[in-house]
Structure formats: C-alpha cells, structure tokens
C-alpha cells in the first residue's frame, strides 16, 4: 500500500463484503508517516469502526519520542516498534501468530 487512505478503503471494502477483517489479516503493520492519511489516523479509523476494531495494529516508524508514544496509546495501537529493528518486528509477528493459533 502507498498510504493509509488506500489501506482504509481496502479494509472498508472487505467489511462491506461481509468479511471480518480480523479473520482476513493476522495484523496490520503501518507507518506513522504516509501521504494523505498517516498511521495514527488510519489506526483511529480502524478502532472507531466496530467492523474493524478487533484488528491487531502495529505501528512501525522511524519517529520516536514521548509525543509519538503518546499518540500510539491515544489511537489504540497494539504495539509500537521503531524502525530498523527487523528482529523485533519478526518477533512481534511470531508472537501474534502464536497467540492466534493457541485459541
């Protein structure tokens, strides 16, 4: 995807088709900085739509600091990972997969 708006349109399209987004995707990994709609707004839109609110959201960004950590909490991301930590990103994906498979 190029931006959050494109991702949101896809997710809403699936919902309109009657698909449960959380059943279609293990997780959504998004960046904070994207054109048209950033990852914070995308996450907010997902969380406020009952059809998508159960989707596991990970924000992976080069931005850091207390402002960004506060924004991650405010919009309801499940995890925050600063970029350039590929091992941690893999670990988070594996952790999520194990959690889903154990249900």
PDB file of N, CA and C in Angstrom:
ATOM      1  N   UNK A   1       0.838  -1.184   0.000  1.00  0.00           N
ATOM      2  CA  UNK A   1       0.000   0.000   0.000  1.00  0.00           C
ATOM      3  C   UNK A   1       0.881   1.244   0.000  1.00  0.00           C
ATOM      4  N   UNK A   2       0.380   2.260  -0.630  1.00  0.00           N
ATOM      5  CA  UNK A   2       1.123   3.509  -0.663  1.00  0.00           C
ATOM      6  C   UNK A   2       0.796   4.415   0.505  1.00  0.00           C
ATOM      7  N   UNK A   3      -0.432   4.352   0.979  1.00  0.00           N
ATOM      8  CA  UNK A   3      -0.814   5.251   2.065  1.00  0.00           C
ATOM      9  C   UNK A   3      -1.974   4.688   2.875  1.00  0.00           C
ATOM     10  N   UNK A   4      -2.232   5.344   3.986  1.00  0.00           N
ATOM     11  CA  UNK A   4      -3.284   4.891   4.874  1.00  0.00           C
ATOM     12  C   UNK A   4      -4.670   4.969   4.276  1.00  0.00           C
ATOM     13  N   UNK A   5      -4.917   5.951   3.445  1.00  0.00           N
ATOM     14  CA  UNK A   5      -6.236   6.090   2.829  1.00  0.00           C
ATOM     15  C   UNK A   5      -6.535   4.892   1.933  1.00  0.00           C
ATOM     16  N   UNK A   6      -5.554   4.461   1.169  1.00  0.00           N
ATOM     17  CA  UNK A   6      -5.712   3.292   0.313  1.00  0.00           C
ATOM     18  C   UNK A   6      -5.981   2.042   1.161  1.00  0.00           C
ATOM     19  N   UNK A   7      -5.248   1.896   2.262  1.00  0.00           N
ATOM     20  CA  UNK A   7      -5.448   0.754   3.157  1.00  0.00           C
ATOM     21  C   UNK A   7      -6.846   0.791   3.769  1.00  0.00           C
ATOM     22  N   UNK A   8      -7.286   1.962   4.206  1.00  0.00           N
ATOM     23  CA  UNK A   8      -8.608   2.087   4.812  1.00  0.00           C
ATOM     24  C   UNK A   8      -9.703   1.734   3.808  1.00  0.00           C
ATOM     25  N   UNK A   9      -9.553   2.176   2.572  1.00  0.00           N
ATOM     26  CA  UNK A   9     -10.550   1.841   1.544  1.00  0.00           C
ATOM     27  C   UNK A   9     -10.633   0.329   1.328  1.00  0.00           C
ATOM     28  N   UNK A  10      -9.486  -0.324   1.311  1.00  0.00           N
ATOM     29  CA  UNK A  10      -9.459  -1.774   1.151  1.00  0.00           C
ATOM     30  C   UNK A  10     -10.147  -2.458   2.327  1.00  0.00           C
ATOM     31  N   UNK A  11      -9.804  -2.056   3.541  1.00  0.00           N
ATOM     32  CA  UNK A  11     -10.401  -2.658   4.730  1.00  0.00           C
ATOM     33  C   UNK A  11     -11.911  -2.446   4.770  1.00  0.00           C
ATOM     34  N   UNK A  12     -12.351  -1.230   4.485  1.00  0.00           N
ATOM     35  CA  UNK A  12     -13.789  -0.947   4.480  1.00  0.00           C
ATOM     36  C   UNK A  12     -14.500  -1.726   3.376  1.00  0.00           C
ATOM     37  N   UNK A  13     -13.838  -1.912   2.248  1.00  0.00           N
ATOM     38  CA  UNK A  13     -14.404  -2.717   1.165  1.00  0.00           C
ATOM     39  C   UNK A  13     -14.632  -4.151   1.606  1.00  0.00           C
ATOM     40  N   UNK A  14     -13.664  -4.706   2.314  1.00  0.00           N
ATOM     41  CA  UNK A  14     -13.828  -6.065   2.843  1.00  0.00           C
ATOM     42  C   UNK A  14     -15.003  -6.117   3.807  1.00  0.00           C
ATOM     43  N   UNK A  15     -15.113  -5.110   4.668  1.00  0.00           N
ATOM     44  CA  UNK A  15     -16.226  -5.062   5.618  1.00  0.00           C
ATOM     45  C   UNK A  15     -17.559  -4.987   4.881  1.00  0.00           C
ATOM     46  N   UNK A  16     -17.613  -4.177   3.842  1.00  0.00           N
ATOM     47  CA  UNK A  16     -18.844  -4.037   3.064  1.00  0.00           C
ATOM     48  C   UNK A  16     -19.233  -5.347   2.387  1.00  0.00           C
ATOM     49  N   UNK A  17     -18.234  -6.195   2.106  1.00  0.00           N
ATOM     50  CA  UNK A  17     -18.487  -7.518   1.517  1.00  0.00           C
ATOM     51  C   UNK A  17     -18.868  -8.542   2.578  1.00  0.00           C
ATOM     52  N   UNK A  18     -18.882  -8.125   3.838  1.00  0.00           N
ATOM     53  CA  UNK A  18     -19.251  -9.016   4.924  1.00  0.00           C
ATOM     54  C   UNK A  18     -18.088  -9.782   5.537  1.00  0.00           C
ATOM     55  N   UNK A  19     -16.876  -9.442   5.153  1.00  0.00           N
ATOM     56  CA  UNK A  19     -15.706 -10.126   5.704  1.00  0.00           C
ATOM     57  C   UNK A  19     -15.341  -9.531   7.057  1.00  0.00           C
ATOM     58  N   UNK A  20     -14.874 -10.390   7.956  1.00  0.00           N
ATOM     59  CA  UNK A  20     -14.350  -9.943   9.248  1.00  0.00           C
ATOM     60  C   UNK A  20     -12.867  -9.673   9.051  1.00  0.00           C
ATOM     61  N   UNK A  21     -12.475  -8.420   9.114  1.00  0.00           N
ATOM     62  CA  UNK A  21     -11.101  -8.014   8.819  1.00  0.00           C
ATOM     63  C   UNK A  21     -10.100  -8.753   9.706  1.00  0.00           C
ATOM     64  N   UNK A  22     -10.424  -8.917  10.978  1.00  0.00           N
ATOM     65  CA  UNK A  22      -9.506  -9.597  11.888  1.00  0.00           C
ATOM     66  C   UNK A  22      -9.335 -11.074  11.527  1.00  0.00           C
ATOM     67  N   UNK A  23     -10.282 -11.635  10.787  1.00  0.00           N
ATOM     68  CA  UNK A  23     -10.152 -13.018  10.305  1.00  0.00           C
ATOM     69  C   UNK A  23      -9.361 -13.079   8.999  1.00  0.00           C
ATOM     70  N   UNK A  24      -9.321 -11.985   8.280  1.00  0.00           N
ATOM     71  CA  UNK A  24      -8.614 -11.931   6.999  1.00  0.00           C
ATOM     72  C   UNK A  24      -7.130 -11.640   7.169  1.00  0.00           C
ATOM     73  N   UNK A  25      -6.794 -10.843   8.182  1.00  0.00           N
ATOM     74  CA  UNK A  25      -5.415 -10.415   8.404  1.00  0.00           C
ATOM     75  C   UNK A  25      -4.946 -10.806   9.798  1.00  0.00           C
ATOM     76  N   UNK A  26      -3.743 -11.293   9.895  1.00  0.00           N
ATOM     77  CA  UNK A  26      -3.147 -11.586  11.194  1.00  0.00           C
ATOM     78  C   UNK A  26      -2.920 -10.287  11.958  1.00  0.00           C
ATOM     79  N   UNK A  27      -2.432  -9.268  11.232  1.00  0.00           N
ATOM     80  CA  UNK A  27      -2.178  -7.962  11.819  1.00  0.00           C
ATOM     81  C   UNK A  27      -1.980  -6.949  10.703  1.00  0.00           C
ATOM     82  N   UNK A  28      -2.092  -5.700  11.048  1.00  0.00           N
ATOM     83  CA  UNK A  28      -1.772  -4.621  10.126  1.00  0.00           C
ATOM     84  C   UNK A  28      -0.553  -3.900  10.682  1.00  0.00           C
ATOM     85  N   UNK A  29       0.478  -3.801   9.868  1.00  0.00           N
ATOM     86  CA  UNK A  29       1.673  -3.053  10.244  1.00  0.00           C
ATOM     87  C   UNK A  29       1.654  -1.768   9.429  1.00  0.00           C
ATOM     88  N   UNK A  30       1.694  -0.646  10.111  1.00  0.00           N
ATOM     89  CA  UNK A  30       1.606   0.634   9.432  1.00  0.00           C
ATOM     90  C   UNK A  30       2.726   1.566   9.891  1.00  0.00           C
ATOM     91  N   UNK A  31       2.996   2.536   9.071  1.00  0.00           N
ATOM     92  CA  UNK A  31       3.972   3.573   9.398  1.00  0.00           C
ATOM     93  C   UNK A  31       3.213   4.795   9.893  1.00  0.00           C
ATOM     94  N   UNK A  32       3.857   5.611  10.673  1.00  0.00           N
ATOM     95  CA  UNK A  32       3.231   6.858  11.112  1.00  0.00           C
ATOM     96  C   UNK A  32       3.192   7.870   9.976  1.00  0.00           C
ATOM     97  N   UNK A  33       4.250   7.902   9.172  1.00  0.00           N
ATOM     98  CA  UNK A  33       4.370   8.908   8.122  1.00  0.00           C
ATOM     99  C   UNK A  33       4.014   8.316   6.758  1.00  0.00           C
ATOM    100  N   UNK A  34       2.853   8.719   6.262  1.00  0.00           N
ATOM    101  CA  UNK A  34       2.401   8.307   4.932  1.00  0.00           C
ATOM    102  C   UNK A  34       1.659   9.479   4.301  1.00  0.00           C
ATOM    103  N   UNK A  35       1.634   9.523   2.978  1.00  0.00           N
ATOM    104  CA  UNK A  35       0.876  10.599   2.328  1.00  0.00           C
ATOM    105  C   UNK A  35      -0.627  10.404   2.506  1.00  0.00           C
ATOM    106  N   UNK A  36      -1.358  11.450   2.435  1.00  0.00           N
ATOM    107  CA  UNK A  36      -2.820  11.504   2.503  1.00  0.00           C
ATOM    108  C   UNK A  36      -3.392  11.143   3.864  1.00  0.00           C
ATOM    109  N   UNK A  37      -3.038   9.982   4.430  1.00  0.00           N
ATOM    110  CA  UNK A  37      -3.528   9.593   5.757  1.00  0.00           C
ATOM    111  C   UNK A  37      -2.399   8.892   6.491  1.00  0.00           C
ATOM    112  N   UNK A  38      -2.002   9.443   7.633  1.00  0.00           N
ATOM    113  CA  UNK A  38      -0.896   8.827   8.365  1.00  0.00           C
ATOM    114  C   UNK A  38      -1.375   7.625   9.178  1.00  0.00           C
ATOM    115  N   UNK A  39      -0.432   6.909   9.751  1.00  0.00           N
ATOM    116  CA  UNK A  39      -0.740   5.700  10.500  1.00  0.00           C
ATOM    117  C   UNK A  39      -1.564   5.939  11.748  1.00  0.00           C
ATOM    118  N   UNK A  40      -1.419   7.106  12.348  1.00  0.00           N
ATOM    119  CA  UNK A  40      -2.227   7.434  13.524  1.00  0.00           C
ATOM    120  C   UNK A  40      -3.698   7.569  13.143  1.00  0.00           C
ATOM    121  N   UNK A  41      -3.961   8.294  12.083  1.00  0.00           N
ATOM    122  CA  UNK A  41      -5.337   8.476  11.619  1.00  0.00           C
ATOM    123  C   UNK A  41      -5.913   7.141  11.144  1.00  0.00           C
ATOM    124  N   UNK A  42      -5.111   6.356  10.429  1.00  0.00           N
ATOM    125  CA  UNK A  42      -5.561   5.045   9.966  1.00  0.00           C
ATOM    126  C   UNK A  42      -5.959   4.178  11.164  1.00  0.00           C
ATOM    127  N   UNK A  43      -5.118   4.132  12.166  1.00  0.00           N
ATOM    128  CA  UNK A  43      -5.423   3.330  13.353  1.00  0.00           C
ATOM    129  C   UNK A  43      -6.678   3.838  14.042  1.00  0.00           C
ATOM    130  N   UNK A  44      -6.807   5.156  14.153  1.00  0.00           N
ATOM    131  CA  UNK A  44      -8.011   5.743  14.757  1.00  0.00           C
ATOM    132  C   UNK A  44      -9.258   5.315  13.988  1.00  0.00           C
ATOM    133  N   UNK A  45      -9.199   5.367  12.671  1.00  0.00           N
ATOM    134  CA  UNK A  45     -10.342   4.971  11.844  1.00  0.00           C
ATOM    135  C   UNK A  45     -10.684   3.497  12.038  1.00  0.00           C
ATOM    136  N   UNK A  46      -9.675   2.660  12.128  1.00  0.00           N
ATOM    137  CA  UNK A  46      -9.888   1.226  12.349  1.00  0.00           C
ATOM    138  C   UNK A  46     -10.532   1.004  13.714  1.00  0.00           C
ATOM    139  N   UNK A  47     -10.012   1.653  14.733  1.00  0.00           N
ATOM    140  CA  UNK A  47     -10.509   1.453  16.093  1.00  0.00           C
ATOM    141  C   UNK A  47     -11.933   1.969  16.289  1.00  0.00           C
ATOM    142  N   UNK A  48     -12.336   2.973  15.551  1.00  0.00           N
ATOM    143  CA  UNK A  48     -13.674   3.547  15.744  1.00  0.00           C
ATOM    144  C   UNK A  48     -14.727   2.911  14.849  1.00  0.00           C
ATOM    145  N   UNK A  49     -14.333   1.967  14.013  1.00  0.00           N
ATOM    146  CA  UNK A  49     -15.282   1.237  13.174  1.00  0.00           C
ATOM    147  C   UNK A  49     -15.450  -0.155  13.783  1.00  0.00           C
ATOM    148  N   UNK A  50     -16.622  -0.443  14.323  1.00  0.00           N
ATOM    149  CA  UNK A  50     -16.857  -1.714  15.003  1.00  0.00           C
ATOM    150  C   UNK A  50     -16.534  -2.923  14.127  1.00  0.00           C
ATOM    151  N   UNK A  51     -16.632  -2.767  12.829  1.00  0.00           N
ATOM    152  CA  UNK A  51     -16.358  -3.887  11.926  1.00  0.00           C
ATOM    153  C   UNK A  51     -14.873  -4.209  11.839  1.00  0.00           C
ATOM    154  N   UNK A  52     -14.015  -3.287  12.261  1.00  0.00           N
ATOM    155  CA  UNK A  52     -12.568  -3.475  12.140  1.00  0.00           C
ATOM    156  C   UNK A  52     -11.841  -3.364  13.471  1.00  0.00           C
ATOM    157  N   UNK A  53     -12.523  -2.998  14.524  1.00  0.00           N
ATOM    158  CA  UNK A  53     -11.858  -2.631  15.777  1.00  0.00           C
ATOM    159  C   UNK A  53     -11.036  -3.755  16.397  1.00  0.00           C
ATOM    160  N   UNK A  54     -11.291  -5.002  16.048  1.00  0.00           N
ATOM    161  CA  UNK A  54     -10.538  -6.127  16.620  1.00  0.00           C
ATOM    162  C   UNK A  54      -9.214  -6.382  15.899  1.00  0.00           C
ATOM    163  N   UNK A  55      -8.961  -5.673  14.812  1.00  0.00           N
ATOM    164  CA  UNK A  55      -7.728  -5.873  14.050  1.00  0.00           C
ATOM    165  C   UNK A  55      -6.517  -5.489  14.896  1.00  0.00           C
ATOM    166  N   UNK A  56      -5.524  -6.360  14.923  1.00  0.00           N
ATOM    167  CA  UNK A  56      -4.280  -6.117  15.657  1.00  0.00           C
ATOM    168  C   UNK A  56      -3.439  -5.130  14.836  1.00  0.00           C
ATOM    169  N   UNK A  57      -3.057  -4.003  15.440  1.00  0.00           N
ATOM    170  CA  UNK A  57      -2.347  -2.945  14.722  1.00  0.00           C
ATOM    171  C   UNK A  57      -0.978  -2.694  15.344  1.00  0.00           C
ATOM    172  N   UNK A  58       0.050  -2.734  14.502  1.00  0.00           N
ATOM    173  CA  UNK A  58       1.419  -2.456  14.922  1.00  0.00           C
ATOM    174  C   UNK A  58       1.896  -1.221  14.159  1.00  0.00           C
ATOM    175  N   UNK A  59       2.396  -0.247  14.884  1.00  0.00           N
ATOM    176  CA  UNK A  59       2.959   0.948  14.251  1.00  0.00           C
ATOM    177  C   UNK A  59       4.472   0.784  14.217  1.00  0.00           C
ATOM    178  N   UNK A  60       5.026   0.824  13.027  1.00  0.00           N
ATOM    179  CA  UNK A  60       6.469   0.669  12.807  1.00  0.00           C
ATOM    180  C   UNK A  60       6.957   1.944  12.144  1.00  0.00           C
ATOM    181  N   UNK A  61       7.721   2.739  12.870  1.00  0.00           N
ATOM    182  CA  UNK A  61       8.082   4.053  12.351  1.00  0.00           C
ATOM    183  C   UNK A  61       9.477   4.486  12.787  1.00  0.00           C
ATOM    184  N   UNK A  62      10.044   5.392  12.031  1.00  0.00           N
ATOM    185  CA  UNK A  62      11.343   5.963  12.403  1.00  0.00           C
ATOM    186  C   UNK A  62      11.172   7.096  13.411  1.00  0.00           C
ATOM    187  N   UNK A  63       9.949   7.540  13.633  1.00  0.00           N
ATOM    188  CA  UNK A  63       9.681   8.593  14.608  1.00  0.00           C
ATOM    189  C   UNK A  63       9.803   8.023  16.014  1.00  0.00           C
ATOM    190  N   UNK A  64      10.308   8.817  16.911  1.00  0.00           N
ATOM    191  CA  UNK A  64      10.436   8.362  18.291  1.00  0.00           C
ATOM    192  C   UNK A  64      10.110   9.516  19.227  1.00  0.00           C
ATOM    193  N   UNK A  65      10.203   9.265  20.485  1.00  0.00           N
ATOM    194  CA  UNK A  65       9.958  10.314  21.461  1.00  0.00           C
ATOM    195  C   UNK A  65       8.627  10.152  22.154  1.00  0.00           C
ATOM    196  N   UNK A  66       8.448  10.941  23.206  1.00  0.00           N
ATOM    197  CA  UNK A  66       7.257  10.805  24.042  1.00  0.00           C
ATOM    198  C   UNK A  66       5.984  11.199  23.294  1.00  0.00           C
ATOM    199  N   UNK A  67       6.062  12.160  22.365  1.00  0.00           N
ATOM    200  CA  UNK A  67       4.864  12.542  21.607  1.00  0.00           C
ATOM    201  C   UNK A  67       4.343  11.356  20.816  1.00  0.00           C
ATOM    202  N   UNK A  68       5.237  10.669  20.106  1.00  0.00           N
ATOM    203  CA  UNK A  68       4.811   9.540  19.281  1.00  0.00           C
ATOM    204  C   UNK A  68       4.320   8.376  20.131  1.00  0.00           C
ATOM    205  N   UNK A  69       4.956   8.131  21.255  1.00  0.00           N
ATOM    206  CA  UNK A  69       4.485   7.078  22.154  1.00  0.00           C
ATOM    207  C   UNK A  69       3.100   7.414  22.697  1.00  0.00           C
ATOM    208  N   UNK A  70       2.863   8.677  22.999  1.00  0.00           N
ATOM    209  CA  UNK A  70       1.543   9.101  23.471  1.00  0.00           C
ATOM    210  C   UNK A  70       0.497   8.939  22.372  1.00  0.00           C
ATOM    211  N   UNK A  71       0.866   9.260  21.137  1.00  0.00           N
ATOM    212  CA  UNK A  71      -0.065   9.106  20.013  1.00  0.00           C
ATOM    213  C   UNK A  71      -0.415   7.638  19.781  1.00  0.00           C
ATOM    214  N   UNK A  72       0.570   6.766  19.908  1.00  0.00           N
ATOM    215  CA  UNK A  72       0.342   5.327  19.740  1.00  0.00           C
ATOM    216  C   UNK A  72      -0.708   4.856  20.746  1.00  0.00           C
ATOM    217  N   UNK A  73      -0.574   5.292  21.987  1.00  0.00           N
ATOM    218  CA  UNK A  73      -1.538   4.918  23.024  1.00  0.00           C
ATOM    219  C   UNK A  73      -2.897   5.547  22.761  1.00  0.00           C
ATOM    220  N   UNK A  74      -2.885   6.812  22.364  1.00  0.00           N
ATOM    221  CA  UNK A  74      -4.141   7.542  22.147  1.00  0.00           C
ATOM    222  C   UNK A  74      -4.995   6.896  21.069  1.00  0.00           C
ATOM    223  N   UNK A  75      -4.383   6.485  19.960  1.00  0.00           N
ATOM    224  CA  UNK A  75      -5.163   5.924  18.851  1.00  0.00           C
ATOM    225  C   UNK A  75      -5.418   4.427  19.015  1.00  0.00           C
ATOM    226  N   UNK A  76      -4.722   3.766  19.943  1.00  0.00           N
ATOM    227  CA  UNK A  76      -5.019   2.373  20.235  1.00  0.00           C
ATOM    228  C   UNK A  76      -4.215   1.334  19.493  1.00  0.00           C
ATOM    229  N   UNK A  77      -2.979   1.653  19.127  1.00  0.00           N
ATOM    230  CA  UNK A  77      -2.119   0.640  18.508  1.00  0.00           C
ATOM    231  C   UNK A  77      -1.829  -0.452  19.538  1.00  0.00           C
ATOM    232  N   UNK A  78      -1.721  -1.684  19.058  1.00  0.00           N
ATOM    233  CA  UNK A  78      -1.392  -2.787  19.951  1.00  0.00           C
ATOM    234  C   UNK A  78       0.088  -2.816  20.288  1.00  0.00           C
ATOM    235  N   UNK A  79       0.918  -2.398  19.347  1.00  0.00           N
ATOM    236  CA  UNK A  79       2.379  -2.380  19.559  1.00  0.00           C
ATOM    237  C   UNK A  79       2.993  -1.209  18.822  1.00  0.00           C
ATOM    238  N   UNK A  80       4.123  -0.752  19.333  1.00  0.00           N
ATOM    239  CA  UNK A  80       4.917   0.291  18.689  1.00  0.00           C
ATOM    240  C   UNK A  80       6.326  -0.256  18.541  1.00  0.00           C
ATOM    241  N   UNK A  81       6.853  -0.197  17.332  1.00  0.00           N
ATOM    242  CA  UNK A  81       8.216  -0.650  17.065  1.00  0.00           C
ATOM    243  C   UNK A  81       8.913   0.427  16.256  1.00  0.00           C
ATOM    244  N   UNK A  82      10.045   0.889  16.762  1.00  0.00           N
ATOM    245  CA  UNK A  82      10.801   1.852  15.967  1.00  0.00           C
ATOM    246  C   UNK A  82      11.481   1.101  14.824  1.00  0.00           C
ATOM    247  N   UNK A  83      11.632   1.781  13.714  1.00  0.00           N
ATOM    248  CA  UNK A  83      12.199   1.139  12.518  1.00  0.00           C
ATOM    249  C   UNK A  83      13.640   0.711  12.747  1.00  0.00           C
ATOM    250  N   UNK A  84      14.058  -0.136  11.842  1.00  0.00           N
ATOM    251  CA  UNK A  84      15.420  -0.657  11.811  1.00  0.00           C
ATOM    252  C   UNK A  84      15.656  -1.655  12.945  1.00  0.00           C
ATOM    253  N   UNK A  85      14.576  -2.341  13.344  1.00  0.00           N
ATOM    254  CA  UNK A  85      14.657  -3.431  14.303  1.00  0.00           C
ATOM    255  C   UNK A  85      13.976  -4.659  13.697  1.00  0.00           C
ATOM    256  N   UNK A  86      14.542  -5.192  12.621  1.00  0.00           N
ATOM    257  CA  UNK A  86      13.870  -6.292  11.930  1.00  0.00           C
ATOM    258  C   UNK A  86      13.652  -7.517  12.814  1.00  0.00           C
ATOM    259  N   UNK A  87      14.572  -7.809  13.717  1.00  0.00           N
ATOM    260  CA  UNK A  87      14.398  -8.968  14.595  1.00  0.00           C
ATOM    261  C   UNK A  87      13.189  -8.791  15.507  1.00  0.00           C
ATOM    262  N   UNK A  88      12.990  -7.572  16.015  1.00  0.00           N
ATOM    263  CA  UNK A  88      11.836  -7.304  16.865  1.00  0.00           C
ATOM    264  C   UNK A  88      10.539  -7.391  16.064  1.00  0.00           C
ATOM    265  N   UNK A  89      10.552  -6.904  14.849  1.00  0.00           N
ATOM    266  CA  UNK A  89       9.372  -6.982  14.001  1.00  0.00           C
ATOM    267  C   UNK A  89       8.983  -8.441  13.752  1.00  0.00           C
ATOM    268  N   UNK A  90       9.952  -9.278  13.473  1.00  0.00           N
ATOM    269  CA  UNK A  90       9.695 -10.715  13.279  1.00  0.00           C
ATOM    270  C   UNK A  90       9.175 -11.331  14.573  1.00  0.00           C
ATOM    271  N   UNK A  91       9.777 -10.958  15.697  1.00  0.00           N
ATOM    272  CA  UNK A  91       9.349 -11.482  16.996  1.00  0.00           C
ATOM    273  C   UNK A  91       7.892 -11.127  17.280  1.00  0.00           C
ATOM    274  N   UNK A  92       7.501  -9.893  16.993  1.00  0.00           N
ATOM    275  CA  UNK A  92       6.124  -9.456  17.220  1.00  0.00           C
ATOM    276  C   UNK A  92       5.162 -10.233  16.318  1.00  0.00           C
ATOM    277  N   UNK A  93       5.535 -10.443  15.073  1.00  0.00           N
ATOM    278  CA  UNK A  93       4.682 -11.213  14.158  1.00  0.00           C
ATOM    279  C   UNK A  93       4.545 -12.660  14.642  1.00  0.00           C
ATOM    280  N   UNK A  94       5.646 -13.253  15.076  1.00  0.00           N
ATOM    281  CA  UNK A  94       5.593 -14.628  15.576  1.00  0.00           C
ATOM    282  C   UNK A  94       4.758 -14.719  16.850  1.00  0.00           C
ATOM    283  N   UNK A  95       4.897 -13.744  17.725  1.00  0.00           N
ATOM    284  CA  UNK A  95       4.124 -13.699  18.965  1.00  0.00           C
ATOM    285  C   UNK A  95       2.631 -13.617  18.665  1.00  0.00           C
ATOM    286  N   UNK A  96       2.284 -12.777  17.710  1.00  0.00           N
ATOM    287  CA  UNK A  96       0.873 -12.634  17.322  1.00  0.00           C
ATOM    288  C   UNK A  96       0.337 -13.935  16.722  1.00  0.00           C
ATOM    289  N   UNK A  97       1.121 -14.556  15.870  1.00  0.00           N
ATOM    290  CA  UNK A  97       0.717 -15.814  15.245  1.00  0.00           C
ATOM    291  C   UNK A  97       0.515 -16.899  16.308  1.00  0.00           C
ATOM    292  N   UNK A  98       1.432 -17.000  17.245  1.00  0.00           N
ATOM    293  CA  UNK A  98       1.294 -17.991  18.325  1.00  0.00           C
ATOM    294  C   UNK A  98       0.014 -17.723  19.125  1.00  0.00           C
ATOM    295  N   UNK A  99      -0.265 -16.459  19.393  1.00  0.00           N
ATOM    296  CA  UNK A  99      -1.470 -16.110  20.135  1.00  0.00           C
ATOM    297  C   UNK A  99      -2.742 -16.508  19.408  1.00  0.00           C
ATOM    298  N   UNK A 100      -2.774 -16.303  18.116  1.00  0.00           N
ATOM    299  CA  UNK A 100      -3.950 -16.651  17.317  1.00  0.00           C
ATOM    300  C   UNK A 100      -4.109 -18.171  17.229  1.00  0.00           C
ATOM    301  N   UNK A 101      -3.003 -18.865  17.004  1.00  0.00           N
ATOM    302  CA  UNK A 101      -3.047 -20.318  16.863  1.00  0.00           C
ATOM    303  C   UNK A 101      -3.396 -21.033  18.152  1.00  0.00           C
ATOM    304  N   UNK A 102      -3.113 -20.414  19.299  1.00  0.00           N
ATOM    305  CA  UNK A 102      -3.396 -21.066  20.573  1.00  0.00           C
ATOM    306  C   UNK A 102      -4.862 -20.960  20.981  1.00  0.00           C
ATOM    307  N   UNK A 103      -5.650 -20.181  20.249  1.00  0.00           N
ATOM    308  CA  UNK A 103      -7.082 -20.016  20.582  1.00  0.00           C
ATOM    309  C   UNK A 103      -7.888 -21.194  20.112  1.00  0.00           C
TER     310      UNK A 103
END
